[in-house]
Amino acid sequence: TTVDMAYGGMRGIKGLVWEASLLDAEEGIRFQGYS
């Protein structure tokens, strides 16, 4: 975690578990692993 992350809306901080979907910066959203 950086100072910029604290001031920047916690952008990019990995600190939350969410089982339903995952967003990849290059690939986009996957719902439970499915594009």
PDB file of all heavy atoms in Angstrom:
ATOM      1  N   THR A   1       0.848  -1.190   0.000  1.00  0.00           N
ATOM      2  CA  THR A   1       0.000   0.000   0.000  1.00  0.00           C
ATOM      3  C   THR A   1       0.884   1.241   0.000  1.00  0.00           C
ATOM      4  O   THR A   1       1.868   1.308   0.730  1.00  0.00           O
ATOM      5  CB  THR A   1      -0.909   0.008   1.237  1.00  0.00           C
ATOM      6  OG1 THR A   1      -1.700  -1.178   1.247  1.00  0.00           O
ATOM      7  CG2 THR A   1      -1.835   1.209   1.227  1.00  0.00           C
ATOM      8  N   THR A   2       0.523   2.225  -0.825  1.00  0.00           N
ATOM      9  CA  THR A   2       1.310   3.452  -0.923  1.00  0.00           C
ATOM     10  C   THR A   2       0.513   4.655  -0.429  1.00  0.00           C
ATOM     11  O   THR A   2      -0.710   4.584  -0.265  1.00  0.00           O
ATOM     12  CB  THR A   2       1.735   3.713  -2.376  1.00  0.00           C
ATOM     13  OG1 THR A   2       0.549   3.959  -3.165  1.00  0.00           O
ATOM     14  CG2 THR A   2       2.487   2.521  -2.952  1.00  0.00           C
ATOM     15  N   VAL A   3       1.205   5.737  -0.226  1.00  0.00           N
ATOM     16  CA  VAL A   3       0.540   6.985   0.164  1.00  0.00           C
ATOM     17  C   VAL A   3      -0.447   7.410  -0.917  1.00  0.00           C
ATOM     18  O   VAL A   3      -1.567   7.859  -0.629  1.00  0.00           O
ATOM     19  CB  VAL A   3       1.587   8.092   0.421  1.00  0.00           C
ATOM     20  CG1 VAL A   3       0.901   9.448   0.613  1.00  0.00           C
ATOM     21  CG2 VAL A   3       2.431   7.749   1.649  1.00  0.00           C
ATOM     22  N   ASP A   4      -0.063   7.260  -2.188  1.00  0.00           N
ATOM     23  CA  ASP A   4      -0.969   7.619  -3.288  1.00  0.00           C
ATOM     24  C   ASP A   4      -2.253   6.800  -3.252  1.00  0.00           C
ATOM     25  O   ASP A   4      -3.332   7.305  -3.579  1.00  0.00           O
ATOM     26  CB  ASP A   4      -0.274   7.413  -4.638  1.00  0.00           C
ATOM     27  CG  ASP A   4       0.603   8.590  -5.015  1.00  0.00           C
ATOM     28  OD1 ASP A   4       0.432   9.674  -4.412  1.00  0.00           O
ATOM     29  OD2 ASP A   4       1.447   8.433  -5.913  1.00  0.00           O
ATOM     30  N   MET A   5      -2.150   5.531  -2.871  1.00  0.00           N
ATOM     31  CA  MET A   5      -3.348   4.697  -2.774  1.00  0.00           C
ATOM     32  C   MET A   5      -4.291   5.221  -1.697  1.00  0.00           C
ATOM     33  O   MET A   5      -5.517   5.211  -1.857  1.00  0.00           O
ATOM     34  CB  MET A   5      -2.967   3.242  -2.474  1.00  0.00           C
ATOM     35  CG  MET A   5      -2.385   2.484  -3.644  1.00  0.00           C
ATOM     36  SD  MET A   5      -1.889   0.813  -3.144  1.00  0.00           S
ATOM     37  CE  MET A   5      -1.559   0.068  -4.745  1.00  0.00           C
ATOM     38  N   ALA A   6      -3.729   5.671  -0.577  1.00  0.00           N
ATOM     39  CA  ALA A   6      -4.552   6.196   0.518  1.00  0.00           C
ATOM     40  C   ALA A   6      -5.291   7.461   0.092  1.00  0.00           C
ATOM     41  O   ALA A   6      -6.465   7.654   0.425  1.00  0.00           O
ATOM     42  CB  ALA A   6      -3.686   6.470   1.742  1.00  0.00           C
ATOM     43  N   TYR A   7      -4.589   8.331  -0.662  1.00  0.00           N
ATOM     44  CA  TYR A   7      -5.215   9.568  -1.131  1.00  0.00           C
ATOM     45  C   TYR A   7      -6.053   9.355  -2.392  1.00  0.00           C
ATOM     46  O   TYR A   7      -6.904  10.177  -2.711  1.00  0.00           O
ATOM     47  CB  TYR A   7      -4.143  10.624  -1.419  1.00  0.00           C
ATOM     48  CG  TYR A   7      -3.623  11.321  -0.188  1.00  0.00           C
ATOM     49  CD1 TYR A   7      -2.399  10.974   0.363  1.00  0.00           C
ATOM     50  CD2 TYR A   7      -4.373  12.330   0.431  1.00  0.00           C
ATOM     51  CE1 TYR A   7      -1.907  11.610   1.501  1.00  0.00           C
ATOM     52  CE2 TYR A   7      -3.902  12.968   1.557  1.00  0.00           C
ATOM     53  CZ  TYR A   7      -2.670  12.618   2.101  1.00  0.00           C
ATOM     54  OH  TYR A   7      -2.213  13.240   3.221  1.00  0.00           O
ATOM     55  N   GLY A   8      -5.796   8.282  -3.111  1.00  0.00           N
ATOM     56  CA  GLY A   8      -6.438   8.055  -4.406  1.00  0.00           C
ATOM     57  C   GLY A   8      -7.644   7.147  -4.374  1.00  0.00           C
ATOM     58  O   GLY A   8      -7.904   6.435  -5.346  1.00  0.00           O
ATOM     59  N   GLY A   9      -8.363   7.142  -3.278  1.00  0.00           N
ATOM     60  CA  GLY A   9      -9.577   6.335  -3.206  1.00  0.00           C
ATOM     61  C   GLY A   9      -9.306   4.853  -3.036  1.00  0.00           C
ATOM     62  O   GLY A   9     -10.118   4.020  -3.476  1.00  0.00           O
ATOM     63  N   MET A  10      -8.196   4.505  -2.407  1.00  0.00           N
ATOM     64  CA  MET A  10      -7.794   3.102  -2.183  1.00  0.00           C
ATOM     65  C   MET A  10      -7.661   2.334  -3.491  1.00  0.00           C
ATOM     66  O   MET A  10      -7.788   1.108  -3.530  1.00  0.00           O
ATOM     67  CB  MET A  10      -8.769   2.388  -1.235  1.00  0.00           C
ATOM     68  CG  MET A  10      -8.845   3.009   0.147  1.00  0.00           C
ATOM     69  SD  MET A  10      -9.732   1.992   1.353  1.00  0.00           S
ATOM     70  CE  MET A  10     -11.403   2.127   0.730  1.00  0.00           C
ATOM     71  N   ARG A  11      -7.418   3.059  -4.594  1.00  0.00           N
ATOM     72  CA  ARG A  11      -7.329   2.451  -5.917  1.00  0.00           C
ATOM     73  C   ARG A  11      -6.258   1.366  -5.969  1.00  0.00           C
ATOM     74  O   ARG A  11      -5.097   1.602  -5.662  1.00  0.00           O
ATOM     75  CB  ARG A  11      -7.022   3.538  -6.947  1.00  0.00           C
ATOM     76  CG  ARG A  11      -7.066   3.128  -8.408  1.00  0.00           C
ATOM     77  CD  ARG A  11      -8.478   2.852  -8.867  1.00  0.00           C
ATOM     78  NE  ARG A  11      -9.398   3.935  -8.598  1.00  0.00           N
ATOM     79  CZ  ARG A  11      -9.626   4.952  -9.436  1.00  0.00           C
ATOM     80  NH1 ARG A  11      -8.955   5.049 -10.548  1.00  0.00           N
ATOM     81  NH2 ARG A  11     -10.521   5.885  -9.140  1.00  0.00           N
ATOM     82  N   GLY A  12      -6.669   0.155  -6.337  1.00  0.00           N
ATOM     83  CA  GLY A  12      -5.729  -0.934  -6.527  1.00  0.00           C
ATOM     84  C   GLY A  12      -5.350  -1.712  -5.282  1.00  0.00           C
ATOM     85  O   GLY A  12      -4.619  -2.696  -5.374  1.00  0.00           O
ATOM     86  N   ILE A  13      -5.821  -1.289  -4.115  1.00  0.00           N
ATOM     87  CA  ILE A  13      -5.489  -2.029  -2.891  1.00  0.00           C
ATOM     88  C   ILE A  13      -6.225  -3.370  -2.879  1.00  0.00           C
ATOM     89  O   ILE A  13      -7.440  -3.414  -3.066  1.00  0.00           O
ATOM     90  CB  ILE A  13      -5.865  -1.214  -1.634  1.00  0.00           C
ATOM     91  CG1 ILE A  13      -4.993   0.038  -1.525  1.00  0.00           C
ATOM     92  CG2 ILE A  13      -5.725  -2.065  -0.374  1.00  0.00           C
ATOM     93  CD1 ILE A  13      -5.364   0.947  -0.376  1.00  0.00           C
ATOM     94  N   LYS A  14      -5.503  -4.448  -2.676  1.00  0.00           N
ATOM     95  CA  LYS A  14      -6.125  -5.772  -2.599  1.00  0.00           C
ATOM     96  C   LYS A  14      -6.497  -6.026  -1.143  1.00  0.00           C
ATOM     97  O   LYS A  14      -5.665  -6.395  -0.325  1.00  0.00           O
ATOM     98  CB  LYS A  14      -5.157  -6.835  -3.112  1.00  0.00           C
ATOM     99  CG  LYS A  14      -4.823  -6.702  -4.598  1.00  0.00           C
ATOM    100  CD  LYS A  14      -3.832  -7.760  -5.034  1.00  0.00           C
ATOM    101  CE  LYS A  14      -3.533  -7.654  -6.525  1.00  0.00           C
ATOM    102  NZ  LYS A  14      -2.810  -6.408  -6.866  1.00  0.00           N
ATOM    103  N   GLY A  15      -7.775  -5.835  -0.811  1.00  0.00           N
ATOM    104  CA  GLY A  15      -8.183  -5.984   0.576  1.00  0.00           C
ATOM    105  C   GLY A  15      -9.628  -6.395   0.746  1.00  0.00           C
ATOM    106  O   GLY A  15     -10.240  -6.135   1.775  1.00  0.00           O
ATOM    107  N   LEU A  16     -10.204  -7.035  -0.277  1.00  0.00           N
ATOM    108  CA  LEU A  16     -11.620  -7.377  -0.236  1.00  0.00           C
ATOM    109  C   LEU A  16     -11.825  -8.703  -0.952  1.00  0.00           C
ATOM    110  O   LEU A  16     -11.306  -8.907  -2.051  1.00  0.00           O
ATOM    111  CB  LEU A  16     -12.435  -6.282  -0.937  1.00  0.00           C
ATOM    112  CG  LEU A  16     -13.938  -6.484  -1.122  1.00  0.00           C
ATOM    113  CD1 LEU A  16     -14.643  -6.534   0.228  1.00  0.00           C
ATOM    114  CD2 LEU A  16     -14.527  -5.344  -1.962  1.00  0.00           C
ATOM    115  N   VAL A  17     -12.559  -9.618  -0.334  1.00  0.00           N
ATOM    116  CA  VAL A  17     -12.890 -10.890  -0.968  1.00  0.00           C
ATOM    117  C   VAL A  17     -14.273 -10.795  -1.592  1.00  0.00           C
ATOM    118  O   VAL A  17     -15.240 -10.412  -0.933  1.00  0.00           O
ATOM    119  CB  VAL A  17     -12.856 -12.052   0.055  1.00  0.00           C
ATOM    120  CG1 VAL A  17     -13.320 -13.355  -0.596  1.00  0.00           C
ATOM    121  CG2 VAL A  17     -11.452 -12.223   0.619  1.00  0.00           C
ATOM    122  N   TRP A  18     -14.354 -11.126  -2.876  1.00  0.00           N
ATOM    123  CA  TRP A  18     -15.616 -11.085  -3.620  1.00  0.00           C
ATOM    124  C   TRP A  18     -15.638 -12.312  -4.518  1.00  0.00           C
ATOM    125  O   TRP A  18     -14.890 -12.394  -5.489  1.00  0.00           O
ATOM    126  CB  TRP A  18     -15.690  -9.802  -4.452  1.00  0.00           C
ATOM    127  CG  TRP A  18     -17.030  -9.522  -5.054  1.00  0.00           C
ATOM    128  CD1 TRP A  18     -17.437  -9.821  -6.327  1.00  0.00           C
ATOM    129  CD2 TRP A  18     -18.142  -8.874  -4.431  1.00  0.00           C
ATOM    130  NE1 TRP A  18     -18.723  -9.405  -6.529  1.00  0.00           N
ATOM    131  CE2 TRP A  18     -19.182  -8.817  -5.377  1.00  0.00           C
ATOM    132  CE3 TRP A  18     -18.353  -8.348  -3.163  1.00  0.00           C
ATOM    133  CZ2 TRP A  18     -20.413  -8.244  -5.092  1.00  0.00           C
ATOM    134  CZ3 TRP A  18     -19.584  -7.773  -2.874  1.00  0.00           C
ATOM    135  CH2 TRP A  18     -20.594  -7.714  -3.832  1.00  0.00           C
ATOM    136  N   GLU A  19     -16.457 -13.289  -4.187  1.00  0.00           N
ATOM    137  CA  GLU A  19     -16.402 -14.578  -4.858  1.00  0.00           C
ATOM    138  C   GLU A  19     -17.049 -14.602  -6.243  1.00  0.00           C
ATOM    139  O   GLU A  19     -16.712 -15.443  -7.074  1.00  0.00           O
ATOM    140  CB  GLU A  19     -17.081 -15.651  -3.982  1.00  0.00           C
ATOM    141  CG  GLU A  19     -16.442 -15.865  -2.618  1.00  0.00           C
ATOM    142  CD  GLU A  19     -15.093 -16.564  -2.689  1.00  0.00           C
ATOM    143  OE1 GLU A  19     -14.631 -16.884  -3.809  1.00  0.00           O
ATOM    144  OE2 GLU A  19     -14.488 -16.768  -1.621  1.00  0.00           O
ATOM    145  N   ALA A  20     -17.992 -13.697  -6.510  1.00  0.00           N
ATOM    146  CA  ALA A  20     -18.836 -13.839  -7.694  1.00  0.00           C
ATOM    147  C   ALA A  20     -18.129 -13.528  -9.008  1.00  0.00           C
ATOM    148  O   ALA A  20     -18.417 -14.147 -10.037  1.00  0.00           O
ATOM    149  CB  ALA A  20     -20.072 -12.946  -7.554  1.00  0.00           C
ATOM    150  N   SER A  21     -17.200 -12.564  -9.015  1.00  0.00           N
ATOM    151  CA  SER A  21     -16.579 -12.186 -10.280  1.00  0.00           C
ATOM    152  C   SER A  21     -15.210 -11.583 -10.027  1.00  0.00           C
ATOM    153  O   SER A  21     -14.894 -11.146  -8.914  1.00  0.00           O
ATOM    154  CB  SER A  21     -17.459 -11.179 -11.037  1.00  0.00           C
ATOM    155  OG  SER A  21     -17.568  -9.958 -10.334  1.00  0.00           O
ATOM    156  N   LEU A  22     -14.408 -11.547 -11.085  1.00  0.00           N
ATOM    157  CA  LEU A  22     -13.068 -10.983 -11.016  1.00  0.00           C
ATOM    158  C   LEU A  22     -12.819 -10.165 -12.278  1.00  0.00           C
ATOM    159  O   LEU A  22     -13.104 -10.619 -13.387  1.00  0.00           O
ATOM    160  CB  LEU A  22     -12.014 -12.089 -10.887  1.00  0.00           C
ATOM    161  CG  LEU A  22     -10.556 -11.620 -10.735  1.00  0.00           C
ATOM    162  CD1 LEU A  22     -10.356 -10.925  -9.391  1.00  0.00           C
ATOM    163  CD2 LEU A  22      -9.592 -12.804 -10.854  1.00  0.00           C
ATOM    164  N   LEU A  23     -12.270  -8.957 -12.088  1.00  0.00           N
ATOM    165  CA  LEU A  23     -12.021  -8.054 -13.209  1.00  0.00           C
ATOM    166  C   LEU A  23     -10.530  -7.994 -13.500  1.00  0.00           C
ATOM    167  O   LEU A  23      -9.734  -7.640 -12.628  1.00  0.00           O
ATOM    168  CB  LEU A  23     -12.558  -6.656 -12.877  1.00  0.00           C
ATOM    169  CG  LEU A  23     -12.369  -5.578 -13.934  1.00  0.00           C
ATOM    170  CD1 LEU A  23     -13.052  -5.967 -15.242  1.00  0.00           C
ATOM    171  CD2 LEU A  23     -12.924  -4.239 -13.431  1.00  0.00           C
ATOM    172  N   ASP A  24     -10.165  -8.346 -14.726  1.00  0.00           N
ATOM    173  CA  ASP A  24      -8.781  -8.271 -15.173  1.00  0.00           C
ATOM    174  C   ASP A  24      -8.615  -7.038 -16.039  1.00  0.00           C
ATOM    175  O   ASP A  24      -9.463  -6.746 -16.901  1.00  0.00           O
ATOM    176  CB  ASP A  24      -8.414  -9.529 -15.966  1.00  0.00           C
ATOM    177  CG  ASP A  24      -6.971  -9.515 -16.432  1.00  0.00           C
ATOM    178  OD1 ASP A  24      -6.090  -9.882 -15.634  1.00  0.00           O
ATOM    179  OD2 ASP A  24      -6.728  -9.115 -17.594  1.00  0.00           O
ATOM    180  N   ALA A  25      -7.526  -6.304 -15.835  1.00  0.00           N
ATOM    181  CA  ALA A  25      -7.305  -5.041 -16.544  1.00  0.00           C
ATOM    182  C   ALA A  25      -7.253  -5.228 -18.053  1.00  0.00           C
ATOM    183  O   ALA A  25      -7.670  -4.344 -18.816  1.00  0.00           O
ATOM    184  CB  ALA A  25      -6.022  -4.379 -16.049  1.00  0.00           C
ATOM    185  N   GLU A  26      -6.755  -6.342 -18.513  1.00  0.00           N
ATOM    186  CA  GLU A  26      -6.610  -6.583 -19.945  1.00  0.00           C
ATOM    187  C   GLU A  26      -7.779  -7.377 -20.529  1.00  0.00           C
ATOM    188  O   GLU A  26      -8.225  -7.114 -21.642  1.00  0.00           O
ATOM    189  CB  GLU A  26      -5.292  -7.341 -20.211  1.00  0.00           C
ATOM    190  CG  GLU A  26      -4.050  -6.619 -19.738  1.00  0.00           C
ATOM    191  CD  GLU A  26      -3.798  -5.318 -20.486  1.00  0.00           C
ATOM    192  OE1 GLU A  26      -4.105  -5.266 -21.696  1.00  0.00           O
ATOM    193  OE2 GLU A  26      -3.307  -4.361 -19.868  1.00  0.00           O
ATOM    194  N   GLU A  27      -8.263  -8.338 -19.775  1.00  0.00           N
ATOM    195  CA  GLU A  27      -9.260  -9.272 -20.294  1.00  0.00           C
ATOM    196  C   GLU A  27     -10.697  -8.843 -20.026  1.00  0.00           C
ATOM    197  O   GLU A  27     -11.620  -9.194 -20.761  1.00  0.00           O
ATOM    198  CB  GLU A  27      -9.011 -10.644 -19.658  1.00  0.00           C
ATOM    199  CG  GLU A  27      -9.837 -11.759 -20.228  1.00  0.00           C
ATOM    200  CD  GLU A  27      -9.564 -13.090 -19.555  1.00  0.00           C
ATOM    201  OE1 GLU A  27      -9.632 -13.162 -18.309  1.00  0.00           O
ATOM    202  OE2 GLU A  27      -9.250 -14.041 -20.273  1.00  0.00           O
ATOM    203  N   GLY A  28     -10.920  -8.082 -18.958  1.00  0.00           N
ATOM    204  CA  GLY A  28     -12.276  -7.704 -18.597  1.00  0.00           C
ATOM    205  C   GLY A  28     -12.864  -8.625 -17.543  1.00  0.00           C
ATOM    206  O   GLY A  28     -12.154  -9.389 -16.894  1.00  0.00           O
ATOM    207  N   ILE A  29     -14.166  -8.576 -17.392  1.00  0.00           N
ATOM    208  CA  ILE A  29     -14.835  -9.287 -16.314  1.00  0.00           C
ATOM    209  C   ILE A  29     -14.987 -10.777 -16.615  1.00  0.00           C
ATOM    210  O   ILE A  29     -15.208 -11.172 -17.763  1.00  0.00           O
ATOM    211  CB  ILE A  29     -16.240  -8.670 -16.033  1.00  0.00           C
ATOM    212  CG1 ILE A  29     -16.820  -9.189 -14.713  1.00  0.00           C
ATOM    213  CG2 ILE A  29     -17.196  -8.922 -17.199  1.00  0.00           C
ATOM    214  CD1 ILE A  29     -16.074  -8.740 -13.502  1.00  0.00           C
ATOM    215  N   ARG A  30     -14.845 -11.574 -15.572  1.00  0.00           N
ATOM    216  CA  ARG A  30     -15.191 -12.989 -15.627  1.00  0.00           C
ATOM    217  C   ARG A  30     -16.148 -13.283 -14.477  1.00  0.00           C
ATOM    218  O   ARG A  30     -15.846 -12.979 -13.333  1.00  0.00           O
ATOM    219  CB  ARG A  30     -13.949 -13.877 -15.523  1.00  0.00           C
ATOM    220  CG  ARG A  30     -13.201 -14.029 -16.838  1.00  0.00           C
ATOM    221  CD  ARG A  30     -12.087 -15.054 -16.750  1.00  0.00           C
ATOM    222  NE  ARG A  30     -11.461 -15.264 -18.048  1.00  0.00           N
ATOM    223  CZ  ARG A  30     -11.837 -16.176 -18.939  1.00  0.00           C
ATOM    224  NH1 ARG A  30     -12.857 -16.966 -18.640  1.00  0.00           N
ATOM    225  NH2 ARG A  30     -11.226 -16.306 -20.090  1.00  0.00           N
ATOM    226  N   PHE A  31     -17.286 -13.859 -14.800  1.00  0.00           N
ATOM    227  CA  PHE A  31     -18.266 -14.262 -13.800  1.00  0.00           C
ATOM    228  C   PHE A  31     -17.944 -15.696 -13.370  1.00  0.00           C
ATOM    229  O   PHE A  31     -18.091 -16.631 -14.163  1.00  0.00           O
ATOM    230  CB  PHE A  31     -19.682 -14.192 -14.356  1.00  0.00           C
ATOM    231  CG  PHE A  31     -20.077 -12.822 -14.862  1.00  0.00           C
ATOM    232  CD1 PHE A  31     -20.468 -12.631 -16.182  1.00  0.00           C
ATOM    233  CD2 PHE A  31     -20.046 -11.720 -14.017  1.00  0.00           C
ATOM    234  CE1 PHE A  31     -20.844 -11.386 -16.645  1.00  0.00           C
ATOM    235  CE2 PHE A  31     -20.418 -10.472 -14.478  1.00  0.00           C
ATOM    236  CZ  PHE A  31     -20.821 -10.291 -15.796  1.00  0.00           C
ATOM    237  N   GLN A  32     -17.459 -15.858 -12.139  1.00  0.00           N
ATOM    238  CA  GLN A  32     -17.072 -17.179 -11.634  1.00  0.00           C
ATOM    239  C   GLN A  32     -16.178 -17.904 -12.651  1.00  0.00           C
ATOM    240  O   GLN A  32     -16.303 -19.114 -12.875  1.00  0.00           O
ATOM    241  CB  GLN A  32     -18.317 -18.018 -11.314  1.00  0.00           C
ATOM    242  CG  GLN A  32     -19.090 -17.536 -10.093  1.00  0.00           C
ATOM    243  CD  GLN A  32     -18.489 -18.028  -8.779  1.00  0.00           C
ATOM    244  OE1 GLN A  32     -17.384 -18.519  -8.738  1.00  0.00           O
ATOM    245  NE2 GLN A  32     -19.237 -17.869  -7.689  1.00  0.00           N
ATOM    246  N   GLY A  33     -15.281 -17.149 -13.267  1.00  0.00           N
ATOM    247  CA  GLY A  33     -14.325 -17.734 -14.202  1.00  0.00           C
ATOM    248  C   GLY A  33     -14.753 -17.728 -15.652  1.00  0.00           C
ATOM    249  O   GLY A  33     -13.952 -18.048 -16.542  1.00  0.00           O
ATOM    250  N   TYR A  34     -15.993 -17.370 -15.947  1.00  0.00           N
ATOM    251  CA  TYR A  34     -16.503 -17.386 -17.320  1.00  0.00           C
ATOM    252  C   TYR A  34     -16.544 -15.974 -17.901  1.00  0.00           C
ATOM    253  O   TYR A  34     -17.078 -15.049 -17.283  1.00  0.00           O
ATOM    254  CB  TYR A  34     -17.906 -17.991 -17.365  1.00  0.00           C
ATOM    255  CG  TYR A  34     -17.959 -19.467 -17.031  1.00  0.00           C
ATOM    256  CD1 TYR A  34     -18.198 -19.880 -15.722  1.00  0.00           C
ATOM    257  CD2 TYR A  34     -17.760 -20.429 -18.010  1.00  0.00           C
ATOM    258  CE1 TYR A  34     -18.240 -21.237 -15.395  1.00  0.00           C
ATOM    259  CE2 TYR A  34     -17.807 -21.786 -17.701  1.00  0.00           C
ATOM    260  CZ  TYR A  34     -18.047 -22.187 -16.393  1.00  0.00           C
ATOM    261  OH  TYR A  34     -18.080 -23.524 -16.077  1.00  0.00           O
ATOM    262  N   SER A  35     -16.003 -15.808 -19.106  1.00  0.00           N
ATOM    263  CA  SER A  35     -16.047 -14.523 -19.798  1.00  0.00           C
ATOM    264  C   SER A  35     -17.463 -14.259 -20.309  1.00  0.00           C
ATOM    265  O   SER A  35     -18.315 -15.168 -20.352  1.00  0.00           O
ATOM    266  CB  SER A  35     -15.071 -14.525 -20.976  1.00  0.00           C
ATOM    267  OG  SER A  35     -15.518 -15.424 -21.984  1.00  0.00           O
TER     268      SER A  35
END
